């Protein structure tokens, strides 16, 4: 109801205490102060103190109220309201916070808006078996996180026992290099446009040899080893020539094998085709009692041997021939006991 002011009357008595007029004035002043403290002359929009707490009555009386309730305390507590204007923060209310410092927060699926607030970065975690610490590096300048599936260029990283699947090495002018711990070059890789051939390095099991092979789109491709300047290709251990099945019949010599061994108890006449690469070298030896006549077919492709001629290998005889593409002939560079027929 509205505040009611007592009527003091128009005359005072002569008592030793307050007159009725003075008393009425004090009563009115007290009520004025109480009404002012709870919101004005009308109690319908004021604060009501109840056993539940402080009730803030809305403009529509008895429709909705806000009750400020204190949880049953177990100790004396002080609640400080900062010296500022603003809105109270509630745990389940959607609110935008500014200028807040949060110490030791516990976050569940935090979300960070992008620049125009149209989308968000949602941080999703896995179920841990124990607490884990994620330590951020001590940055000396601005930097960017590195992600597993995002295409990024990273620098100044030391990878310990990395597992690489189809890594791409490239990007440097003049070739890309692998460096040692002192930044000295180990291996340099040169990129060739539209490359279709490559080198494959294969390890091995017990009692087998690792290998370096040429693979790719072409059928017949050489593997090149090149020294620098007047240096040479140095073989620091045994030099072993690959040998296939011994030749024991009249058949074509396999040009893919550097060493051909004749092994027949009777006369055989293997044929030798033209070489395919300048400097191609073939080694021959006969380990059996049967003569091996290395024939040239209908062309004289061995220097000094006429058409349909041959080079005769007796037991223990051997020779080394080198192909010269300019002359289209095999030339003897070593001969042990063979004869020309």
C-alpha atoms as a PDB file:
ATOM      1  CA  UNK A   1       0.000   0.000   0.000  1.00  0.00           C
ATOM      2  CA  UNK A   2       1.021   3.643  -0.310  1.00  0.00           C
ATOM      3  CA  UNK A   3       2.847   5.335   2.534  1.00  0.00           C
ATOM      4  CA  UNK A   4       0.478   6.925   5.113  1.00  0.00           C
ATOM      5  CA  UNK A   5       1.542  10.089   7.043  1.00  0.00           C
ATOM      6  CA  UNK A   6       0.187  10.571  10.593  1.00  0.00           C
ATOM      7  CA  UNK A   7      -1.656  13.808  11.202  1.00  0.00           C
ATOM      8  CA  UNK A   8       0.187  15.804  13.912  1.00  0.00           C
ATOM      9  CA  UNK A   9      -2.707  18.143  14.584  1.00  0.00           C
ATOM     10  CA  UNK A  10      -2.480  21.958  14.935  1.00  0.00           C
ATOM     11  CA  UNK A  11      -1.529  22.461  18.688  1.00  0.00           C
ATOM     12  CA  UNK A  12       0.964  20.925  21.123  1.00  0.00           C
ATOM     13  CA  UNK A  13       0.633  20.044  24.890  1.00  0.00           C
ATOM     14  CA  UNK A  14       2.946  20.948  27.744  1.00  0.00           C
ATOM     15  CA  UNK A  15       4.376  17.463  28.685  1.00  0.00           C
ATOM     16  CA  UNK A  16       8.035  16.911  29.512  1.00  0.00           C
ATOM     17  CA  UNK A  17       8.458  14.417  26.715  1.00  0.00           C
ATOM     18  CA  UNK A  18       7.897  14.749  23.013  1.00  0.00           C
ATOM     19  CA  UNK A  19       4.676  16.240  22.084  1.00  0.00           C
ATOM     20  CA  UNK A  20       2.250  14.268  20.027  1.00  0.00           C
ATOM     21  CA  UNK A  21       3.166  16.474  17.104  1.00  0.00           C
ATOM     22  CA  UNK A  22       6.862  15.808  17.535  1.00  0.00           C
ATOM     23  CA  UNK A  23       6.206  12.104  17.968  1.00  0.00           C
ATOM     24  CA  UNK A  24       4.117  12.026  14.848  1.00  0.00           C
ATOM     25  CA  UNK A  25       6.860  13.833  12.954  1.00  0.00           C
ATOM     26  CA  UNK A  26       9.474  11.317  14.082  1.00  0.00           C
ATOM     27  CA  UNK A  27       7.165   8.444  13.160  1.00  0.00           C
ATOM     28  CA  UNK A  28       6.647   9.914   9.713  1.00  0.00           C
ATOM     29  CA  UNK A  29      10.356  10.450   9.224  1.00  0.00           C
ATOM     30  CA  UNK A  30      11.112   6.888  10.266  1.00  0.00           C
ATOM     31  CA  UNK A  31       8.561   5.501   7.840  1.00  0.00           C
ATOM     32  CA  UNK A  32       9.847   7.779   5.098  1.00  0.00           C
ATOM     33  CA  UNK A  33      13.348   6.387   5.600  1.00  0.00           C
ATOM     34  CA  UNK A  34      12.113   2.780   5.598  1.00  0.00           C
ATOM     35  CA  UNK A  35      10.044   3.264   2.476  1.00  0.00           C
ATOM     36  CA  UNK A  36      12.930   4.996   0.754  1.00  0.00           C
ATOM     37  CA  UNK A  37      15.271   2.124   1.663  1.00  0.00           C
ATOM     38  CA  UNK A  38      12.995  -0.477   0.115  1.00  0.00           C
ATOM     39  CA  UNK A  39      12.256   1.355  -3.079  1.00  0.00           C
ATOM     40  CA  UNK A  40      10.070   4.377  -2.722  1.00  0.00           C
ATOM     41  CA  UNK A  41       6.586   5.290  -1.625  1.00  0.00           C
ATOM     42  CA  UNK A  42       4.991   2.103  -3.027  1.00  0.00           C
ATOM     43  CA  UNK A  43       5.762  -1.309  -1.565  1.00  0.00           C
ATOM     44  CA  UNK A  44       4.553  -3.043  -4.707  1.00  0.00           C
ATOM     45  CA  UNK A  45       7.910  -2.485  -6.535  1.00  0.00           C
ATOM     46  CA  UNK A  46      10.180  -2.705  -3.556  1.00  0.00           C
ATOM     47  CA  UNK A  47      12.341  -5.336  -1.898  1.00  0.00           C
ATOM     48  CA  UNK A  48      10.682  -7.656   0.567  1.00  0.00           C
ATOM     49  CA  UNK A  49      12.668  -9.501   3.234  1.00  0.00           C
ATOM     50  CA  UNK A  50      11.333 -13.007   3.855  1.00  0.00           C
ATOM     51  CA  UNK A  51      12.552 -16.161   5.553  1.00  0.00           C
ATOM     52  CA  UNK A  52      13.699 -17.424   2.140  1.00  0.00           C
ATOM     53  CA  UNK A  53      15.778 -14.325   1.382  1.00  0.00           C
ATOM     54  CA  UNK A  54      15.510 -10.912  -0.227  1.00  0.00           C
ATOM     55  CA  UNK A  55      12.616 -10.903  -2.705  1.00  0.00           C
ATOM     56  CA  UNK A  56      12.696  -8.417  -5.571  1.00  0.00           C
ATOM     57  CA  UNK A  57       9.147  -7.813  -6.764  1.00  0.00           C
ATOM     58  CA  UNK A  58       8.594  -7.238 -10.449  1.00  0.00           C
ATOM     59  CA  UNK A  59       6.516  -4.430 -11.911  1.00  0.00           C
ATOM     60  CA  UNK A  60       3.578  -6.794 -12.275  1.00  0.00           C
ATOM     61  CA  UNK A  61       2.827  -7.500  -8.620  1.00  0.00           C
ATOM     62  CA  UNK A  62       2.601 -11.169  -7.578  1.00  0.00           C
ATOM     63  CA  UNK A  63       3.508 -12.332 -11.114  1.00  0.00           C
ATOM     64  CA  UNK A  64       7.266 -12.952 -10.937  1.00  0.00           C
ATOM     65  CA  UNK A  65       9.900 -12.259  -8.307  1.00  0.00           C
ATOM     66  CA  UNK A  66      13.643 -12.646  -8.004  1.00  0.00           C
ATOM     67  CA  UNK A  67      14.732 -14.070  -4.658  1.00  0.00           C
ATOM     68  CA  UNK A  68      18.323 -13.662  -3.508  1.00  0.00           C
ATOM     69  CA  UNK A  69      19.040 -16.726  -1.353  1.00  0.00           C
ATOM     70  CA  UNK A  70      22.145 -17.493   0.697  1.00  0.00           C
ATOM     71  CA  UNK A  71      23.163 -21.144   1.033  1.00  0.00           C
ATOM     72  CA  UNK A  72      23.319 -22.373   4.619  1.00  0.00           C
ATOM     73  CA  UNK A  73      26.831 -21.302   5.674  1.00  0.00           C
ATOM     74  CA  UNK A  74      29.281 -23.506   7.544  1.00  0.00           C
ATOM     75  CA  UNK A  75      31.499 -20.524   8.430  1.00  0.00           C
ATOM     76  CA  UNK A  76      31.397 -16.758   8.476  1.00  0.00           C
ATOM     77  CA  UNK A  77      31.671 -15.530   4.879  1.00  0.00           C
ATOM     78  CA  UNK A  78      32.097 -12.131   3.284  1.00  0.00           C
ATOM     79  CA  UNK A  79      30.739 -11.416  -0.186  1.00  0.00           C
ATOM     80  CA  UNK A  80      32.315  -8.363  -1.811  1.00  0.00           C
ATOM     81  CA  UNK A  81      30.626  -6.397  -4.568  1.00  0.00           C
ATOM     82  CA  UNK A  82      33.238  -4.618  -6.725  1.00  0.00           C
ATOM     83  CA  UNK A  83      33.316  -0.881  -7.040  1.00  0.00           C
ATOM     84  CA  UNK A  84      31.844  -0.833 -10.520  1.00  0.00           C
ATOM     85  CA  UNK A  85      28.628  -1.103 -12.473  1.00  0.00           C
ATOM     86  CA  UNK A  86      27.660  -4.248 -14.325  1.00  0.00           C
ATOM     87  CA  UNK A  87      25.671  -7.469 -14.312  1.00  0.00           C
ATOM     88  CA  UNK A  88      25.998 -10.387 -11.944  1.00  0.00           C
ATOM     89  CA  UNK A  89      27.494 -13.541 -13.510  1.00  0.00           C
ATOM     90  CA  UNK A  90      25.393 -16.696 -13.129  1.00  0.00           C
ATOM     91  CA  UNK A  91      26.611 -20.257 -13.706  1.00  0.00           C
ATOM     92  CA  UNK A  92      23.934 -21.338 -16.220  1.00  0.00           C
ATOM     93  CA  UNK A  93      23.111 -18.038 -17.891  1.00  0.00           C
ATOM     94  CA  UNK A  94      24.397 -17.302 -21.421  1.00  0.00           C
ATOM     95  CA  UNK A  95      26.545 -14.204 -20.915  1.00  0.00           C
ATOM     96  CA  UNK A  96      29.496 -12.451 -22.557  1.00  0.00           C
ATOM     97  CA  UNK A  97      32.387 -11.757 -20.163  1.00  0.00           C
ATOM     98  CA  UNK A  98      35.111  -9.150 -20.568  1.00  0.00           C
ATOM     99  CA  UNK A  99      38.204  -8.224 -18.559  1.00  0.00           C
ATOM    100  CA  UNK A 100      38.177 -11.453 -16.559  1.00  0.00           C
ATOM    101  CA  UNK A 101      41.218 -13.279 -15.223  1.00  0.00           C
ATOM    102  CA  UNK A 102      40.393 -16.933 -14.505  1.00  0.00           C
ATOM    103  CA  UNK A 103      42.819 -18.775 -12.230  1.00  0.00           C
ATOM    104  CA  UNK A 104      43.060 -22.596 -12.469  1.00  0.00           C
ATOM    105  CA  UNK A 105      39.886 -23.008 -14.538  1.00  0.00           C
ATOM    106  CA  UNK A 106      38.417 -26.433 -15.345  1.00  0.00           C
ATOM    107  CA  UNK A 107      36.953 -26.342 -18.864  1.00  0.00           C
ATOM    108  CA  UNK A 108      34.712 -28.915 -20.564  1.00  0.00           C
ATOM    109  CA  UNK A 109      34.742 -28.799 -24.417  1.00  0.00           C
ATOM    110  CA  UNK A 110      35.743 -25.108 -24.676  1.00  0.00           C
ATOM    111  CA  UNK A 111      34.744 -23.259 -27.850  1.00  0.00           C
ATOM    112  CA  UNK A 112      36.469 -20.218 -29.424  1.00  0.00           C
ATOM    113  CA  UNK A 113      34.647 -18.085 -31.986  1.00  0.00           C
ATOM    114  CA  UNK A 114      36.269 -17.141 -35.277  1.00  0.00           C
ATOM    115  CA  UNK A 115      36.814 -13.517 -36.324  1.00  0.00           C
ATOM    116  CA  UNK A 116      33.211 -12.833 -37.400  1.00  0.00           C
ATOM    117  CA  UNK A 117      31.627 -15.230 -34.855  1.00  0.00           C
ATOM    118  CA  UNK A 118      30.070 -17.270 -37.654  1.00  0.00           C
ATOM    119  CA  UNK A 119      31.898 -20.464 -36.667  1.00  0.00           C
ATOM    120  CA  UNK A 120      33.927 -21.719 -33.740  1.00  0.00           C
ATOM    121  CA  UNK A 121      36.970 -23.802 -32.873  1.00  0.00           C
ATOM    122  CA  UNK A 122      35.713 -26.608 -30.640  1.00  0.00           C
ATOM    123  CA  UNK A 123      38.319 -28.303 -28.455  1.00  0.00           C
ATOM    124  CA  UNK A 124      37.462 -31.975 -27.962  1.00  0.00           C
ATOM    125  CA  UNK A 125      39.416 -34.226 -25.600  1.00  0.00           C
ATOM    126  CA  UNK A 126      39.816 -37.974 -25.178  1.00  0.00           C
ATOM    127  CA  UNK A 127      39.228 -39.980 -22.027  1.00  0.00           C
ATOM    128  CA  UNK A 128      42.513 -39.953 -20.082  1.00  0.00           C
ATOM    129  CA  UNK A 129      43.773 -42.659 -17.768  1.00  0.00           C
ATOM    130  CA  UNK A 130      45.477 -39.987 -15.626  1.00  0.00           C
ATOM    131  CA  UNK A 131      46.084 -36.253 -15.555  1.00  0.00           C
ATOM    132  CA  UNK A 132      48.380 -34.973 -18.319  1.00  0.00           C
ATOM    133  CA  UNK A 133      50.219 -31.667 -18.619  1.00  0.00           C
ATOM    134  CA  UNK A 134      50.383 -29.834 -21.954  1.00  0.00           C
ATOM    135  CA  UNK A 135      53.368 -27.485 -21.817  1.00  0.00           C
ATOM    136  CA  UNK A 136      53.518 -24.521 -24.168  1.00  0.00           C
ATOM    137  CA  UNK A 137      57.019 -23.447 -25.295  1.00  0.00           C
ATOM    138  CA  UNK A 138      58.574 -20.206 -24.130  1.00  0.00           C
ATOM    139  CA  UNK A 139      57.973 -18.184 -27.284  1.00  0.00           C
ATOM    140  CA  UNK A 140      60.177 -15.236 -28.215  1.00  0.00           C
ATOM    141  CA  UNK A 141      57.859 -14.080 -31.020  1.00  0.00           C
ATOM    142  CA  UNK A 142      54.416 -14.818 -32.435  1.00  0.00           C
ATOM    143  CA  UNK A 143      53.943 -18.358 -33.721  1.00  0.00           C
ATOM    144  CA  UNK A 144      51.365 -20.894 -34.985  1.00  0.00           C
ATOM    145  CA  UNK A 145      50.231 -24.296 -33.762  1.00  0.00           C
ATOM    146  CA  UNK A 146      51.178 -27.309 -35.925  1.00  0.00           C
ATOM    147  CA  UNK A 147      48.338 -29.721 -36.697  1.00  0.00           C
ATOM    148  CA  UNK A 148      48.360 -33.309 -37.946  1.00  0.00           C
ATOM    149  CA  UNK A 149      46.218 -32.927 -41.093  1.00  0.00           C
ATOM    150  CA  UNK A 150      46.710 -29.254 -41.936  1.00  0.00           C
ATOM    151  CA  UNK A 151      49.154 -28.371 -44.729  1.00  0.00           C
ATOM    152  CA  UNK A 152      51.892 -26.296 -43.096  1.00  0.00           C
ATOM    153  CA  UNK A 153      55.559 -25.431 -43.524  1.00  0.00           C
ATOM    154  CA  UNK A 154      57.515 -25.892 -40.306  1.00  0.00           C
ATOM    155  CA  UNK A 155      61.077 -24.892 -39.454  1.00  0.00           C
ATOM    156  CA  UNK A 156      63.630 -25.318 -36.656  1.00  0.00           C
ATOM    157  CA  UNK A 157      62.268 -28.725 -35.656  1.00  0.00           C
ATOM    158  CA  UNK A 158      64.316 -31.656 -34.376  1.00  0.00           C
ATOM    159  CA  UNK A 159      62.582 -34.980 -35.058  1.00  0.00           C
ATOM    160  CA  UNK A 160      63.693 -37.909 -32.900  1.00  0.00           C
ATOM    161  CA  UNK A 161      63.031 -41.407 -34.329  1.00  0.00           C
ATOM    162  CA  UNK A 162      60.354 -40.132 -36.742  1.00  0.00           C
ATOM    163  CA  UNK A 163      58.294 -42.487 -38.884  1.00  0.00           C
ATOM    164  CA  UNK A 164      57.899 -40.953 -42.364  1.00  0.00           C
ATOM    165  CA  UNK A 165      55.424 -42.230 -44.950  1.00  0.00           C
ATOM    166  CA  UNK A 166      56.084 -41.024 -48.523  1.00  0.00           C
ATOM    167  CA  UNK A 167      57.876 -37.817 -47.471  1.00  0.00           C
ATOM    168  CA  UNK A 168      58.431 -35.115 -50.090  1.00  0.00           C
ATOM    169  CA  UNK A 169      61.934 -33.631 -50.099  1.00  0.00           C
ATOM    170  CA  UNK A 170      62.209 -30.520 -52.203  1.00  0.00           C
ATOM    171  CA  UNK A 171      61.651 -26.833 -52.540  1.00  0.00           C
ATOM    172  CA  UNK A 172      65.237 -25.577 -52.548  1.00  0.00           C
ATOM    173  CA  UNK A 173      66.788 -24.003 -55.626  1.00  0.00           C
ATOM    174  CA  UNK A 174      69.520 -26.252 -57.034  1.00  0.00           C
ATOM    175  CA  UNK A 175      68.393 -29.298 -55.076  1.00  0.00           C
ATOM    176  CA  UNK A 176      67.407 -30.326 -51.570  1.00  0.00           C
ATOM    177  CA  UNK A 177      69.772 -31.747 -48.983  1.00  0.00           C
ATOM    178  CA  UNK A 178      69.772 -33.831 -45.833  1.00  0.00           C
ATOM    179  CA  UNK A 179      72.046 -32.255 -43.219  1.00  0.00           C
ATOM    180  CA  UNK A 180      73.962 -33.666 -40.275  1.00  0.00           C
ATOM    181  CA  UNK A 181      73.804 -32.191 -36.754  1.00  0.00           C
ATOM    182  CA  UNK A 182      76.428 -29.590 -37.734  1.00  0.00           C
ATOM    183  CA  UNK A 183      74.361 -28.539 -40.797  1.00  0.00           C
ATOM    184  CA  UNK A 184      76.802 -30.181 -43.196  1.00  0.00           C
ATOM    185  CA  UNK A 185      75.401 -31.956 -46.249  1.00  0.00           C
ATOM    186  CA  UNK A 186      74.827 -35.707 -46.138  1.00  0.00           C
ATOM    187  CA  UNK A 187      72.907 -36.268 -49.378  1.00  0.00           C
ATOM    188  CA  UNK A 188      71.631 -33.888 -52.029  1.00  0.00           C
ATOM    189  CA  UNK A 189      68.516 -34.570 -54.094  1.00  0.00           C
ATOM    190  CA  UNK A 190      68.056 -33.020 -57.552  1.00  0.00           C
ATOM    191  CA  UNK A 191      64.550 -32.869 -58.978  1.00  0.00           C
ATOM    192  CA  UNK A 192      64.090 -33.689 -62.660  1.00  0.00           C
ATOM    193  CA  UNK A 193      60.934 -32.509 -64.391  1.00  0.00           C
ATOM    194  CA  UNK A 194      58.520 -35.294 -65.391  1.00  0.00           C
ATOM    195  CA  UNK A 195      60.758 -37.956 -63.824  1.00  0.00           C
ATOM    196  CA  UNK A 196      59.616 -41.565 -64.299  1.00  0.00           C
ATOM    197  CA  UNK A 197      62.694 -43.549 -63.172  1.00  0.00           C
ATOM    198  CA  UNK A 198      64.084 -43.772 -59.655  1.00  0.00           C
ATOM    199  CA  UNK A 199      66.405 -45.692 -57.341  1.00  0.00           C
ATOM    200  CA  UNK A 200      65.073 -48.267 -54.887  1.00  0.00           C
ATOM    201  CA  UNK A 201      67.167 -49.255 -51.849  1.00  0.00           C
ATOM    202  CA  UNK A 202      66.227 -52.601 -50.283  1.00  0.00           C
ATOM    203  CA  UNK A 203      67.487 -54.012 -47.000  1.00  0.00           C
ATOM    204  CA  UNK A 204      67.944 -57.735 -46.457  1.00  0.00           C
ATOM    205  CA  UNK A 205      67.448 -60.640 -44.120  1.00  0.00           C
ATOM    206  CA  UNK A 206      70.227 -62.888 -42.792  1.00  0.00           C
ATOM    207  CA  UNK A 207      72.753 -64.094 -45.415  1.00  0.00           C
ATOM    208  CA  UNK A 208      71.299 -61.856 -48.131  1.00  0.00           C
ATOM    209  CA  UNK A 209      72.684 -58.674 -49.646  1.00  0.00           C
ATOM    210  CA  UNK A 210      71.002 -55.261 -49.557  1.00  0.00           C
ATOM    211  CA  UNK A 211      70.477 -53.827 -53.038  1.00  0.00           C
ATOM    212  CA  UNK A 212      70.272 -50.574 -54.987  1.00  0.00           C
ATOM    213  CA  UNK A 213      68.028 -50.971 -58.017  1.00  0.00           C
ATOM    214  CA  UNK A 214      66.712 -48.819 -60.848  1.00  0.00           C
ATOM    215  CA  UNK A 215      62.935 -48.826 -61.197  1.00  0.00           C
ATOM    216  CA  UNK A 216      60.368 -46.768 -63.060  1.00  0.00           C
ATOM    217  CA  UNK A 217      58.534 -46.401 -66.329  1.00  0.00           C
ATOM    218  CA  UNK A 218      61.348 -47.213 -68.772  1.00  0.00           C
ATOM    219  CA  UNK A 219      62.364 -50.791 -69.613  1.00  0.00           C
ATOM    220  CA  UNK A 220      66.142 -50.507 -70.092  1.00  0.00           C
ATOM    221  CA  UNK A 221      67.811 -47.858 -67.882  1.00  0.00           C
ATOM    222  CA  UNK A 222      71.353 -47.686 -66.499  1.00  0.00           C
ATOM    223  CA  UNK A 223      72.434 -46.768 -62.992  1.00  0.00           C
ATOM    224  CA  UNK A 224      75.085 -44.028 -63.063  1.00  0.00           C
ATOM    225  CA  UNK A 225      77.846 -43.525 -60.485  1.00  0.00           C
ATOM    226  CA  UNK A 226      79.887 -40.380 -61.037  1.00  0.00           C
ATOM    227  CA  UNK A 227      82.951 -39.015 -59.274  1.00  0.00           C
ATOM    228  CA  UNK A 228      84.053 -35.370 -59.166  1.00  0.00           C
ATOM    229  CA  UNK A 229      86.846 -34.030 -61.354  1.00  0.00           C
ATOM    230  CA  UNK A 230      89.675 -36.508 -61.751  1.00  0.00           C
ATOM    231  CA  UNK A 231      88.401 -38.647 -58.877  1.00  0.00           C
ATOM    232  CA  UNK A 232      87.126 -42.141 -59.518  1.00  0.00           C
ATOM    233  CA  UNK A 233      84.507 -44.559 -58.272  1.00  0.00           C
ATOM    234  CA  UNK A 234      86.291 -46.497 -55.531  1.00  0.00           C
ATOM    235  CA  UNK A 235      85.232 -50.030 -54.592  1.00  0.00           C
ATOM    236  CA  UNK A 236      86.639 -50.526 -51.106  1.00  0.00           C
ATOM    237  CA  UNK A 237      85.981 -54.235 -50.860  1.00  0.00           C
ATOM    238  CA  UNK A 238      85.653 -57.129 -53.280  1.00  0.00           C
ATOM    239  CA  UNK A 239      84.358 -56.384 -56.767  1.00  0.00           C
ATOM    240  CA  UNK A 240      81.928 -59.189 -57.617  1.00  0.00           C
ATOM    241  CA  UNK A 241      80.495 -59.708 -61.112  1.00  0.00           C
ATOM    242  CA  UNK A 242      76.986 -61.098 -61.226  1.00  0.00           C
ATOM    243  CA  UNK A 243      76.738 -64.453 -63.015  1.00  0.00           C
ATOM    244  CA  UNK A 244      73.587 -66.254 -64.028  1.00  0.00           C
ATOM    245  CA  UNK A 245      73.242 -69.892 -65.082  1.00  0.00           C
ATOM    246  CA  UNK A 246      76.358 -71.292 -66.798  1.00  0.00           C
ATOM    247  CA  UNK A 247      76.143 -71.513 -70.599  1.00  0.00           C
ATOM    248  CA  UNK A 248      76.238 -75.208 -71.556  1.00  0.00           C
ATOM    249  CA  UNK A 249      74.514 -75.164 -74.964  1.00  0.00           C
ATOM    250  CA  UNK A 250      74.400 -73.220 -78.207  1.00  0.00           C
ATOM    251  CA  UNK A 251      72.375 -70.181 -77.126  1.00  0.00           C
ATOM    252  CA  UNK A 252      72.502 -66.395 -76.976  1.00  0.00           C
ATOM    253  CA  UNK A 253      74.757 -64.821 -74.347  1.00  0.00           C
ATOM    254  CA  UNK A 254      72.745 -62.802 -71.775  1.00  0.00           C
ATOM    255  CA  UNK A 255      73.895 -59.185 -72.104  1.00  0.00           C
ATOM    256  CA  UNK A 256      72.348 -58.257 -68.736  1.00  0.00           C
ATOM    257  CA  UNK A 257      74.941 -60.390 -66.915  1.00  0.00           C
ATOM    258  CA  UNK A 258      78.494 -58.997 -66.744  1.00  0.00           C
ATOM    259  CA  UNK A 259      80.053 -62.475 -66.368  1.00  0.00           C
ATOM    260  CA  UNK A 260      79.377 -65.373 -68.725  1.00  0.00           C
ATOM    261  CA  UNK A 261      80.777 -68.816 -67.802  1.00  0.00           C
ATOM    262  CA  UNK A 262      80.929 -71.568 -70.431  1.00  0.00           C
ATOM    263  CA  UNK A 263      80.470 -75.013 -68.922  1.00  0.00           C
ATOM    264  CA  UNK A 264      80.005 -77.838 -71.401  1.00  0.00           C
ATOM    265  CA  UNK A 265      81.717 -81.175 -71.889  1.00  0.00           C
ATOM    266  CA  UNK A 266      81.341 -80.880 -75.680  1.00  0.00           C
ATOM    267  CA  UNK A 267      81.554 -78.227 -78.397  1.00  0.00           C
ATOM    268  CA  UNK A 268      79.002 -75.411 -78.110  1.00  0.00           C
ATOM    269  CA  UNK A 269      78.565 -72.261 -80.211  1.00  0.00           C
ATOM    270  CA  UNK A 270      76.942 -69.466 -78.159  1.00  0.00           C
ATOM    271  CA  UNK A 271      76.097 -66.212 -80.010  1.00  0.00           C
ATOM    272  CA  UNK A 272      77.018 -62.670 -78.986  1.00  0.00           C
ATOM    273  CA  UNK A 273      74.651 -59.833 -79.965  1.00  0.00           C
ATOM    274  CA  UNK A 274      75.555 -56.159 -80.301  1.00  0.00           C
ATOM    275  CA  UNK A 275      76.012 -54.163 -77.151  1.00  0.00           C
ATOM    276  CA  UNK A 276      73.518 -51.425 -76.240  1.00  0.00           C
ATOM    277  CA  UNK A 277      75.590 -48.895 -74.248  1.00  0.00           C
ATOM    278  CA  UNK A 278      78.937 -47.253 -74.993  1.00  0.00           C
ATOM    279  CA  UNK A 279      81.564 -48.850 -72.725  1.00  0.00           C
ATOM    280  CA  UNK A 280      79.454 -51.890 -71.896  1.00  0.00           C
ATOM    281  CA  UNK A 281      81.831 -54.602 -70.647  1.00  0.00           C
ATOM    282  CA  UNK A 282      81.487 -58.395 -70.849  1.00  0.00           C
ATOM    283  CA  UNK A 283      83.642 -61.001 -69.075  1.00  0.00           C
ATOM    284  CA  UNK A 284      83.955 -64.568 -70.459  1.00  0.00           C
ATOM    285  CA  UNK A 285      85.575 -67.738 -69.107  1.00  0.00           C
ATOM    286  CA  UNK A 286      85.408 -71.440 -69.926  1.00  0.00           C
ATOM    287  CA  UNK A 287      85.629 -73.849 -67.001  1.00  0.00           C
ATOM    288  CA  UNK A 288      84.765 -77.115 -68.815  1.00  0.00           C
ATOM    289  CA  UNK A 289      86.623 -79.423 -71.209  1.00  0.00           C
ATOM    290  CA  UNK A 290      84.304 -78.711 -74.152  1.00  0.00           C
ATOM    291  CA  UNK A 291      85.307 -75.945 -76.556  1.00  0.00           C
ATOM    292  CA  UNK A 292      83.079 -72.814 -76.580  1.00  0.00           C
ATOM    293  CA  UNK A 293      82.999 -70.982 -79.912  1.00  0.00           C
ATOM    294  CA  UNK A 294      81.602 -67.486 -79.380  1.00  0.00           C
ATOM    295  CA  UNK A 295      80.048 -66.675 -82.775  1.00  0.00           C
ATOM    296  CA  UNK A 296      79.079 -63.344 -84.307  1.00  0.00           C
ATOM    297  CA  UNK A 297      76.165 -64.527 -86.422  1.00  0.00           C
ATOM    298  CA  UNK A 298      75.944 -62.939 -89.882  1.00  0.00           C
ATOM    299  CA  UNK A 299      77.718 -59.711 -88.821  1.00  0.00           C
ATOM    300  CA  UNK A 300      81.255 -59.070 -87.719  1.00  0.00           C
ATOM    301  CA  UNK A 301      80.516 -57.374 -84.399  1.00  0.00           C
ATOM    302  CA  UNK A 302      83.783 -58.443 -82.710  1.00  0.00           C
ATOM    303  CA  UNK A 303      86.831 -56.520 -83.854  1.00  0.00           C
ATOM    304  CA  UNK A 304      89.148 -58.843 -85.860  1.00  0.00           C
ATOM    305  CA  UNK A 305      86.501 -61.556 -86.348  1.00  0.00           C
ATOM    306  CA  UNK A 306      85.038 -61.961 -89.847  1.00  0.00           C
ATOM    307  CA  UNK A 307      81.393 -62.581 -90.668  1.00  0.00           C
ATOM    308  CA  UNK A 308      80.281 -65.971 -89.374  1.00  0.00           C
ATOM    309  CA  UNK A 309      83.614 -66.214 -87.560  1.00  0.00           C
ATOM    310  CA  UNK A 310      84.100 -67.070 -83.899  1.00  0.00           C
ATOM    311  CA  UNK A 311      86.294 -66.681 -80.826  1.00  0.00           C
ATOM    312  CA  UNK A 312      87.380 -70.062 -79.483  1.00  0.00           C
ATOM    313  CA  UNK A 313      87.529 -70.613 -75.687  1.00  0.00           C
ATOM    314  CA  UNK A 314      89.327 -73.732 -74.456  1.00  0.00           C
ATOM    315  CA  UNK A 315      89.176 -74.879 -70.874  1.00  0.00           C
ATOM    316  CA  UNK A 316      90.730 -72.175 -68.667  1.00  0.00           C
ATOM    317  CA  UNK A 317      90.577 -69.505 -71.403  1.00  0.00           C
ATOM    318  CA  UNK A 318      89.011 -66.119 -70.753  1.00  0.00           C
ATOM    319  CA  UNK A 319      88.558 -62.660 -72.261  1.00  0.00           C
ATOM    320  CA  UNK A 320      87.124 -59.199 -71.559  1.00  0.00           C
ATOM    321  CA  UNK A 321      85.268 -57.367 -74.343  1.00  0.00           C
ATOM    322  CA  UNK A 322      84.080 -53.729 -74.355  1.00  0.00           C
ATOM    323  CA  UNK A 323      81.383 -52.401 -76.688  1.00  0.00           C
ATOM    324  CA  UNK A 324      82.159 -49.340 -78.807  1.00  0.00           C
ATOM    325  CA  UNK A 325      78.990 -47.726 -80.158  1.00  0.00           C
ATOM    326  CA  UNK A 326      80.863 -45.591 -82.738  1.00  0.00           C
ATOM    327  CA  UNK A 327      82.423 -48.618 -84.426  1.00  0.00           C
ATOM    328  CA  UNK A 328      79.493 -50.934 -83.542  1.00  0.00           C
ATOM    329  CA  UNK A 329      81.965 -53.601 -82.417  1.00  0.00           C
ATOM    330  CA  UNK A 330      83.170 -55.449 -79.351  1.00  0.00           C
ATOM    331  CA  UNK A 331      86.872 -54.828 -78.661  1.00  0.00           C
ATOM    332  CA  UNK A 332      89.205 -57.084 -76.710  1.00  0.00           C
ATOM    333  CA  UNK A 333      90.724 -55.325 -73.695  1.00  0.00           C
ATOM    334  CA  UNK A 334      92.029 -58.579 -72.167  1.00  0.00           C
ATOM    335  CA  UNK A 335      92.618 -62.008 -73.609  1.00  0.00           C
ATOM    336  CA  UNK A 336      93.818 -65.217 -72.029  1.00  0.00           C
ATOM    337  CA  UNK A 337      94.301 -68.083 -74.482  1.00  0.00           C
ATOM    338  CA  UNK A 338      91.375 -67.480 -76.822  1.00  0.00           C
ATOM    339  CA  UNK A 339      91.841 -67.779 -80.601  1.00  0.00           C
ATOM    340  CA  UNK A 340      89.967 -66.297 -83.538  1.00  0.00           C
ATOM    341  CA  UNK A 341      88.565 -68.654 -86.140  1.00  0.00           C
END
